[in-house]
Amino acid sequence: MICLTQRRTPLRFLLDCFRPDVLARRLACPAVLLAVVLGVCFFAPVMVRAEAGDIETIDKAVKTAGAIGPVEMDSIRGFIATQVKHLKELTSPEGMTKAREKLVNEIKGVGDPASAAYTSAYLGEMATALRTAVAAKDIPLPAKINMGIVLHRLALNPEPSLIPLAEQMLQDSADAIAISGMKSTGSLLTVAVPLGPAKAKELLDAMTNSVSSHGFSGPLTDDFYRQIKFAVESNPAIFSVVVPALLKVYAQRVDLYKNGVPEWPASDFQPMSLLSAQAQWGNPAFSQQDQTRVMQLVVQLLTSASAQLTAAQAPSAENKEQLAALLKNTAEAIGVIGKQVNNTALVAAAAPGRGIGPNSNQAALAPVITALVNGITAAFPKAAGSPAPSATQSAVSGS
């Protein structure tokens, strides 16, 4: 018969488990001791522990301060150091995401907008801390990627203090980190160019060098094109500063089609998407020499890319789709330019290009490309020659 007075409630059972005499008796069992040790070893790496000195938030008074003194700076520096430490040390994806989002969101005010003084101090300290972290040899790749995401998110409201961090990431040997750096450059160009030619050249050189040092990879090239386009669309006044860098990478990519198909060939339409935009061919900042150079590159691209599409050793189905899209879109861009310069013959020569598709064979494609090339060289006679250096290339990109 069971005595009811000896029954233990769940709470009583748990409390008894932590009595010293009970713990000692149970840990004396090898199986129990082994289970405890394995449990600690397994769960310890993914636990987020608030250690002494960790700062997990910044007070509202600091965020709204009209001036940032040593006390406020200590709070900012401590918070950033804590979150960067979490990014570097946590193996839990959830923990890394939490630390990343804290770094992004703490720039905002709480109720009231953050002060300009706080924003400047926060971004400056953030850039310094992330540059140090990214440069460390033992930093895990996921941590670096998350730092790149932080940079990209903060650069949506660009500050010059973020430029060196972007340049450092662009120099990284890992494609993923270079791409993370590239994604912030469009907005950063809009603040770099007003700082003067030297600062603009420094960032543009870092961008073009990153593309070339990574073998003109498709994703990185695509992002480069997009960031240049974003910068010009955000501030049309910087067109003349960035177009030489754009033409430099475009020319290098076009040259690759002589011997094969580079990654993501459809991306190589993006320069013409920008350069055929309304009013660009009437833009005084777009020199006659650069316009000729663009047309020389287009002729070279049409010739080489069409040869790759109809090559005896057929490209992959994906490359065929992308090559066809590249040729079709480039032809349409030439038609747009023909309208801008009031050249009806050029518009007519470009029109058949709309019919280019992945299954276009040499017999069908050759007359379309020939007519288009003839139309371009008739409208721009110097386009028949080899691409010449950009008029402003040496001044801006150092080539």
Protein backbone atom coordinates (compact mmCIF):
# COMPACT_ATOMS: atom_id res chain seq x y z
CA MET A 1 0.00 0.00 0.00
CA ILE A 2 1.35 3.40 -0.98
CA CYS A 3 1.56 6.03 1.73
CA LEU A 4 0.28 9.31 0.27
CA THR A 5 2.40 11.36 2.67
CA GLN A 6 5.57 10.05 0.93
CA ARG A 7 4.56 11.23 -2.59
CA ARG A 8 6.65 14.13 -3.97
CA THR A 9 5.30 16.87 -6.18
CA PRO A 10 7.31 17.79 -9.34
CA LEU A 11 8.57 20.92 -7.59
CA ARG A 12 9.70 18.94 -4.55
CA PHE A 13 11.46 16.48 -6.86
CA LEU A 14 13.38 19.24 -8.63
CA LEU A 15 14.40 20.86 -5.35
CA ASP A 16 15.62 17.53 -4.02
CA CYS A 17 17.75 17.07 -7.14
CA PHE A 18 19.85 20.05 -6.10
CA ARG A 19 20.40 18.96 -2.51
CA PRO A 20 24.16 18.46 -1.98
CA ASP A 21 23.78 14.91 -0.71
CA VAL A 22 21.59 13.94 -3.69
CA LEU A 23 23.92 15.60 -6.23
CA ALA A 24 26.96 13.89 -4.77
CA ARG A 25 25.27 10.50 -4.84
CA ARG A 26 24.11 10.89 -8.47
CA LEU A 27 27.37 12.31 -9.82
CA ALA A 28 29.17 9.34 -8.32
CA CYS A 29 27.48 7.29 -11.04
CA PRO A 30 29.82 7.30 -14.13
CA ALA A 31 26.92 7.29 -16.59
CA VAL A 32 25.29 10.35 -15.02
CA LEU A 33 28.61 12.20 -14.82
CA LEU A 34 29.36 11.47 -18.47
CA ALA A 35 25.91 12.75 -19.52
CA VAL A 36 26.46 16.01 -17.62
CA VAL A 37 29.89 16.58 -19.17
CA LEU A 38 28.65 15.87 -22.71
CA GLY A 39 25.66 18.17 -22.20
CA VAL A 40 27.87 21.07 -21.12
CA CYS A 41 30.29 20.52 -24.01
CA PHE A 42 27.47 20.35 -26.55
CA PHE A 43 25.43 23.33 -25.46
CA ALA A 44 28.17 25.68 -24.25
CA PRO A 45 29.26 26.92 -27.74
CA VAL A 46 25.78 28.10 -28.67
CA MET A 47 24.87 29.76 -25.37
CA VAL A 48 24.86 33.56 -25.30
CA ARG A 49 26.25 34.64 -21.97
CA ALA A 50 26.24 38.22 -20.75
CA GLU A 51 29.71 38.56 -19.27
CA ALA A 52 30.92 41.29 -16.97
CA GLY A 53 31.57 44.42 -19.01
CA ASP A 54 29.22 43.46 -21.86
CA ILE A 55 26.99 46.30 -23.06
CA GLU A 56 23.85 45.12 -24.82
CA THR A 57 22.16 48.48 -25.44
CA ILE A 58 22.90 52.19 -25.57
CA ASP A 59 20.90 54.59 -23.42
CA LYS A 60 18.50 57.01 -25.05
CA ALA A 61 20.37 59.91 -23.41
CA VAL A 62 23.50 58.96 -25.35
CA LYS A 63 21.61 58.63 -28.63
CA THR A 64 20.09 62.08 -28.34
CA ALA A 65 23.14 63.88 -26.94
CA GLY A 66 24.03 67.07 -28.77
CA ALA A 67 27.73 66.41 -28.12
CA ILE A 68 29.54 63.12 -27.56
CA GLY A 69 32.01 63.23 -24.70
CA PRO A 70 34.23 60.54 -23.16
CA VAL A 71 31.38 58.99 -21.13
CA GLU A 72 29.08 58.71 -24.14
CA MET A 73 31.93 57.41 -26.28
CA ASP A 74 32.70 54.68 -23.75
CA SER A 75 29.08 53.51 -23.98
CA ILE A 76 29.16 53.45 -27.79
CA ARG A 77 32.53 51.74 -27.91
CA GLY A 78 31.53 49.14 -25.31
CA PHE A 79 28.29 48.27 -27.08
CA ILE A 80 29.97 47.86 -30.48
CA ALA A 81 32.80 45.80 -28.98
CA THR A 82 30.26 43.49 -27.30
CA GLN A 83 28.28 42.85 -30.48
CA VAL A 84 31.40 42.37 -32.61
CA LYS A 85 32.60 39.86 -30.03
CA HIS A 86 29.28 38.01 -30.36
CA LEU A 87 29.64 37.97 -34.15
CA LYS A 88 33.15 36.55 -33.90
CA GLU A 89 32.58 33.96 -31.18
CA LEU A 90 29.03 32.65 -31.51
CA THR A 91 28.45 29.48 -33.46
CA SER A 92 24.67 29.88 -33.24
CA PRO A 93 23.20 31.47 -36.43
CA GLU A 94 20.42 32.97 -34.32
CA GLY A 95 22.93 34.59 -31.98
CA MET A 96 24.96 36.04 -34.84
CA THR A 97 21.82 37.40 -36.46
CA LYS A 98 20.78 39.02 -33.18
CA ALA A 99 24.18 40.68 -32.77
CA ARG A 100 24.15 41.85 -36.42
CA GLU A 101 20.67 43.36 -36.09
CA LYS A 102 21.66 45.11 -32.88
CA LEU A 103 24.61 46.76 -34.63
CA VAL A 104 22.32 47.95 -37.42
CA ASN A 105 19.40 49.06 -35.27
CA GLU A 106 21.29 50.83 -32.50
CA ILE A 107 22.02 53.68 -34.91
CA LYS A 108 18.37 54.65 -34.56
CA GLY A 109 16.90 56.76 -31.82
CA VAL A 110 14.41 55.51 -29.24
CA GLY A 111 11.28 57.56 -29.68
CA ASP A 112 13.26 60.67 -30.54
CA PRO A 113 15.59 60.73 -33.57
CA ALA A 114 19.25 60.03 -32.90
CA SER A 115 21.38 63.17 -32.88
CA ALA A 116 23.83 63.96 -35.66
CA ALA A 117 26.67 63.85 -33.15
CA TYR A 118 25.69 60.35 -32.01
CA THR A 119 25.21 59.08 -35.56
CA SER A 120 28.64 60.32 -36.63
CA ALA A 121 30.36 58.91 -33.54
CA TYR A 122 28.57 55.57 -33.82
CA LEU A 123 29.39 55.06 -37.50
CA GLY A 124 33.00 56.12 -37.01
CA GLU A 125 33.52 53.72 -34.12
CA MET A 126 31.65 50.97 -35.97
CA ALA A 127 33.88 51.33 -39.03
CA THR A 128 37.03 51.20 -36.88
CA ALA A 129 35.88 48.14 -34.94
CA LEU A 130 34.80 46.22 -38.03
CA ARG A 131 38.01 47.03 -39.90
CA THR A 132 40.01 45.60 -37.02
CA ALA A 133 37.78 42.52 -36.84
CA VAL A 134 37.79 41.84 -40.57
CA ALA A 135 41.59 42.08 -40.65
CA ALA A 136 41.99 39.39 -37.96
CA LYS A 137 43.35 36.10 -39.32
CA ASP A 138 41.21 33.89 -37.10
CA ILE A 139 37.82 35.44 -37.84
CA PRO A 140 35.25 32.93 -39.19
CA LEU A 141 33.87 33.52 -42.67
CA PRO A 142 30.22 33.69 -41.45
CA ALA A 143 31.22 36.48 -39.08
CA LYS A 144 32.83 38.43 -41.92
CA ILE A 145 29.75 37.99 -44.08
CA ASN A 146 27.55 39.33 -41.29
CA MET A 147 29.87 42.30 -40.91
CA GLY A 148 29.50 42.94 -44.63
CA ILE A 149 25.72 42.91 -44.20
CA VAL A 150 26.06 45.46 -41.39
CA LEU A 151 28.14 47.68 -43.67
CA HIS A 152 25.63 47.40 -46.50
CA ARG A 153 22.68 48.24 -44.24
CA LEU A 154 24.41 51.21 -42.61
CA ALA A 155 25.65 52.52 -45.97
CA LEU A 156 22.06 53.08 -47.04
CA ASN A 157 22.57 56.33 -45.12
CA PRO A 158 26.18 56.83 -46.27
CA GLU A 159 28.92 58.46 -44.23
CA PRO A 160 32.53 58.96 -45.40
CA SER A 161 33.77 57.04 -42.34
CA LEU A 162 32.42 53.81 -43.88
CA ILE A 163 34.45 54.12 -47.11
CA PRO A 164 37.72 52.60 -45.76
CA LEU A 165 35.79 49.58 -44.44
CA ALA A 166 34.21 49.01 -47.85
CA GLU A 167 37.61 49.29 -49.53
CA GLN A 168 39.08 46.77 -47.09
CA MET A 169 36.31 44.27 -47.79
CA LEU A 170 36.75 44.74 -51.54
CA GLN A 171 40.38 43.62 -51.12
CA ASP A 172 39.42 40.39 -49.34
CA SER A 173 40.36 37.20 -51.17
CA ALA A 174 36.97 35.57 -50.49
CA ASP A 175 34.35 36.32 -53.14
CA ALA A 176 31.59 36.52 -50.54
CA ILE A 177 33.38 39.25 -48.58
CA ALA A 178 34.33 41.24 -51.69
CA ILE A 179 30.69 41.12 -52.78
CA SER A 180 29.62 42.31 -49.32
CA GLY A 181 31.92 45.29 -49.72
CA MET A 182 30.78 45.96 -53.29
CA LYS A 183 27.12 46.12 -52.28
CA SER A 184 27.75 49.27 -50.24
CA THR A 185 29.76 51.18 -52.85
CA GLY A 186 26.89 52.69 -54.84
CA SER A 187 25.68 54.78 -51.94
CA LEU A 188 29.23 55.47 -50.71
CA LEU A 189 30.19 56.86 -54.13
CA THR A 190 27.59 59.56 -53.65
CA VAL A 191 29.54 60.86 -50.62
CA ALA A 192 33.03 60.03 -51.93
CA VAL A 193 32.81 62.06 -55.14
CA PRO A 194 31.98 65.36 -53.37
CA LEU A 195 35.09 64.86 -51.21
CA GLY A 196 37.26 65.39 -54.29
CA PRO A 197 38.92 63.50 -57.15
CA ALA A 198 41.43 61.70 -54.93
CA LYS A 199 38.78 60.11 -52.68
CA ALA A 200 36.60 59.19 -55.68
CA LYS A 201 39.60 57.62 -57.46
CA GLU A 202 40.51 55.64 -54.35
CA LEU A 203 37.07 54.04 -54.08
CA LEU A 204 36.65 53.48 -57.83
CA ASP A 205 40.11 51.88 -58.02
CA ALA A 206 39.20 49.57 -55.13
CA MET A 207 36.04 48.56 -57.00
CA THR A 208 37.68 47.88 -60.37
CA ASN A 209 40.67 46.13 -58.79
CA SER A 210 38.34 43.89 -56.80
CA VAL A 211 36.53 42.79 -59.96
CA SER A 212 39.77 42.00 -61.79
CA SER A 213 41.49 40.30 -58.83
CA HIS A 214 38.50 37.98 -58.48
CA GLY A 215 38.73 36.89 -62.10
CA PHE A 216 35.75 38.97 -63.28
CA SER A 217 33.39 36.63 -61.44
CA GLY A 218 29.78 36.93 -62.49
CA PRO A 219 28.25 37.95 -59.15
CA LEU A 220 30.96 40.53 -58.37
CA THR A 221 30.88 42.04 -61.87
CA ASP A 222 27.10 42.20 -61.73
CA ASP A 223 27.21 44.05 -58.41
CA PHE A 224 29.87 46.43 -59.73
CA TYR A 225 27.64 47.39 -62.66
CA ARG A 226 24.63 47.80 -60.39
CA GLN A 227 26.46 50.01 -57.91
CA ILE A 228 27.75 52.32 -60.64
CA LYS A 229 24.23 52.58 -62.04
CA PHE A 230 22.78 53.23 -58.58
CA ALA A 231 25.30 56.00 -57.92
CA VAL A 232 24.53 57.77 -61.21
CA GLU A 233 20.78 57.44 -60.75
CA SER A 234 21.12 58.80 -57.19
CA ASN A 235 23.27 61.72 -58.29
CA PRO A 236 23.49 62.30 -62.07
CA ALA A 237 26.20 64.91 -61.52
CA ILE A 238 28.77 62.18 -60.80
CA PHE A 239 28.32 60.54 -64.21
CA SER A 240 31.54 61.89 -65.70
CA VAL A 241 33.52 60.71 -62.66
CA VAL A 242 32.33 57.10 -62.63
CA VAL A 243 31.90 56.33 -66.34
CA PRO A 244 35.64 55.73 -66.99
CA ALA A 245 35.69 53.03 -64.29
CA LEU A 246 32.55 51.53 -65.81
CA LEU A 247 34.13 51.44 -69.27
CA LYS A 248 37.32 49.94 -67.87
CA VAL A 249 35.51 46.89 -66.45
CA TYR A 250 33.17 46.68 -69.45
CA ALA A 251 36.15 46.56 -71.82
CA GLN A 252 37.85 43.86 -69.77
CA ARG A 253 34.70 41.75 -69.70
CA VAL A 254 34.08 42.22 -73.45
CA ASP A 255 37.59 40.98 -74.13
CA LEU A 256 36.80 37.67 -72.39
CA TYR A 257 34.27 36.73 -75.08
CA LYS A 258 37.07 36.19 -77.59
CA ASN A 259 38.00 32.91 -75.93
CA GLY A 260 34.83 31.76 -74.18
CA VAL A 261 31.81 32.83 -72.16
CA PRO A 262 32.45 34.58 -68.83
CA GLU A 263 30.20 34.00 -65.84
CA TRP A 264 26.80 35.64 -65.98
CA PRO A 265 27.06 37.00 -69.54
CA ALA A 266 23.62 38.65 -69.34
CA SER A 267 25.10 41.06 -66.77
CA ASP A 268 27.22 42.68 -69.49
CA PHE A 269 24.15 44.44 -70.81
CA GLN A 270 24.06 46.66 -67.72
CA PRO A 271 26.60 49.24 -68.96
CA MET A 272 24.48 49.82 -72.06
CA SER A 273 21.37 50.00 -69.90
CA LEU A 274 22.93 52.98 -68.13
CA LEU A 275 24.64 54.51 -71.17
CA SER A 276 21.52 54.34 -73.34
CA ALA A 277 19.41 56.05 -70.69
CA GLN A 278 17.49 59.10 -71.82
CA ALA A 279 19.66 62.20 -72.31
CA GLN A 280 23.03 60.47 -71.77
CA TRP A 281 24.01 60.86 -75.43
CA GLY A 282 23.26 64.55 -75.18
CA ASN A 283 25.06 64.86 -71.85
CA PRO A 284 28.08 67.22 -72.16
CA ALA A 285 29.81 65.12 -69.49
CA PHE A 286 29.78 62.15 -71.87
CA SER A 287 32.71 63.00 -74.13
CA GLN A 288 32.75 62.25 -77.85
CA GLN A 289 35.80 60.09 -77.29
CA ASP A 290 34.02 58.02 -74.64
CA GLN A 291 30.94 57.66 -76.85
CA THR A 292 33.14 56.33 -79.65
CA ARG A 293 34.82 53.96 -77.25
CA VAL A 294 31.45 52.60 -76.11
CA MET A 295 30.46 51.88 -79.70
CA GLN A 296 33.79 50.18 -80.38
CA LEU A 297 33.18 47.92 -77.38
CA VAL A 298 29.63 47.20 -78.49
CA VAL A 299 30.84 46.16 -81.96
CA GLN A 300 33.43 43.88 -80.37
CA LEU A 301 30.84 42.43 -77.97
CA LEU A 302 28.24 41.78 -80.68
CA THR A 303 30.82 40.02 -82.84
CA SER A 304 32.35 37.86 -80.09
CA ALA A 305 29.20 37.03 -78.12
CA SER A 306 27.27 36.03 -81.27
CA ALA A 307 30.16 33.74 -82.26
CA GLN A 308 29.98 32.10 -78.82
CA LEU A 309 26.20 31.61 -79.12
CA THR A 310 26.55 29.74 -82.41
CA ALA A 311 29.88 28.03 -81.69
CA ALA A 312 30.39 24.45 -82.84
CA GLN A 313 30.93 23.47 -79.21
CA ALA A 314 27.58 24.78 -78.03
CA PRO A 315 27.46 26.61 -74.69
CA SER A 316 25.32 25.32 -71.85
CA ALA A 317 21.56 25.92 -71.99
CA GLU A 318 21.88 28.59 -69.31
CA ASN A 319 24.67 30.38 -71.17
CA LYS A 320 22.70 30.23 -74.40
CA GLU A 321 19.77 31.93 -72.67
CA GLN A 322 22.04 34.60 -71.20
CA LEU A 323 24.01 35.20 -74.41
CA ALA A 324 20.77 35.60 -76.35
CA ALA A 325 19.47 38.05 -73.74
CA LEU A 326 22.75 39.99 -73.87
CA LEU A 327 22.64 40.33 -77.67
CA LYS A 328 18.94 41.14 -77.79
CA ASN A 329 19.11 43.76 -75.04
CA THR A 330 22.24 45.35 -76.49
CA ALA A 331 20.54 45.63 -79.89
CA GLU A 332 17.55 47.30 -78.25
CA ALA A 333 19.85 49.74 -76.44
CA ILE A 334 21.43 50.69 -79.78
CA GLY A 335 17.93 51.35 -81.11
CA VAL A 336 17.27 53.66 -78.17
CA ILE A 337 20.51 55.53 -78.84
CA GLY A 338 19.55 55.79 -82.52
CA LYS A 339 16.39 57.60 -81.48
CA GLN A 340 18.33 59.91 -79.17
CA VAL A 341 20.67 60.98 -81.97
CA ASN A 342 17.85 61.05 -84.54
CA ASN A 343 19.44 58.36 -86.72
CA THR A 344 16.61 56.39 -88.30
CA ALA A 345 19.02 54.08 -90.15
CA LEU A 346 20.55 53.00 -86.84
CA VAL A 347 17.10 52.41 -85.36
CA ALA A 348 16.17 50.26 -88.37
CA ALA A 349 19.43 48.28 -88.16
CA ALA A 350 18.79 47.50 -84.50
CA ALA A 351 15.18 46.39 -84.91
CA PRO A 352 15.83 42.78 -86.08
CA GLY A 353 17.86 42.21 -82.90
CA ARG A 354 14.61 41.85 -80.98
CA GLY A 355 14.21 38.45 -82.58
CA ILE A 356 17.47 36.99 -81.24
CA GLY A 357 16.85 33.92 -79.07
CA PRO A 358 18.80 31.05 -77.51
CA ASN A 359 18.11 28.83 -80.53
CA SER A 360 19.22 31.36 -83.14
CA ASN A 361 21.60 29.55 -85.51
CA GLN A 362 24.50 31.06 -87.39
CA ALA A 363 22.56 31.39 -90.65
CA ALA A 364 19.82 33.40 -88.94
CA LEU A 365 22.04 35.37 -86.56
CA ALA A 366 24.90 36.42 -88.87
CA PRO A 367 22.89 38.83 -91.08
CA VAL A 368 21.27 40.44 -88.00
CA ILE A 369 24.63 41.09 -86.33
CA THR A 370 26.24 42.23 -89.60
CA ALA A 371 23.47 44.74 -90.27
CA LEU A 372 23.67 46.06 -86.72
CA VAL A 373 27.45 46.43 -86.80
CA ASN A 374 27.24 48.19 -90.17
CA GLY A 375 24.60 50.52 -88.77
CA ILE A 376 26.79 51.38 -85.77
CA THR A 377 29.91 52.05 -87.85
CA ALA A 378 27.91 54.19 -90.28
CA ALA A 379 26.57 56.32 -87.43
CA PHE A 380 29.87 56.32 -85.54
CA PRO A 381 32.64 55.89 -88.16
CA LYS A 382 35.44 55.66 -85.59
CA ALA A 383 33.71 52.69 -83.95
CA ALA A 384 35.19 50.45 -86.64
CA GLY A 385 38.62 50.72 -85.01
CA SER A 386 39.95 49.14 -81.85
CA PRO A 387 38.68 50.60 -78.56
CA ALA A 388 40.70 53.68 -77.59
CA PRO A 389 41.44 54.72 -74.00
CA SER A 390 38.73 56.70 -72.26
CA ALA A 391 39.15 60.46 -72.40
CA THR A 392 39.22 60.68 -68.63
CA GLN A 393 40.48 57.22 -67.78
CA SER A 394 43.99 58.16 -66.68
CA ALA A 395 42.74 61.01 -64.55
CA VAL A 396 40.17 58.98 -62.65
CA SER A 397 41.05 55.28 -62.64
CA GLY A 398 44.76 55.40 -63.16
CA SER A 399 44.93 53.13 -66.19
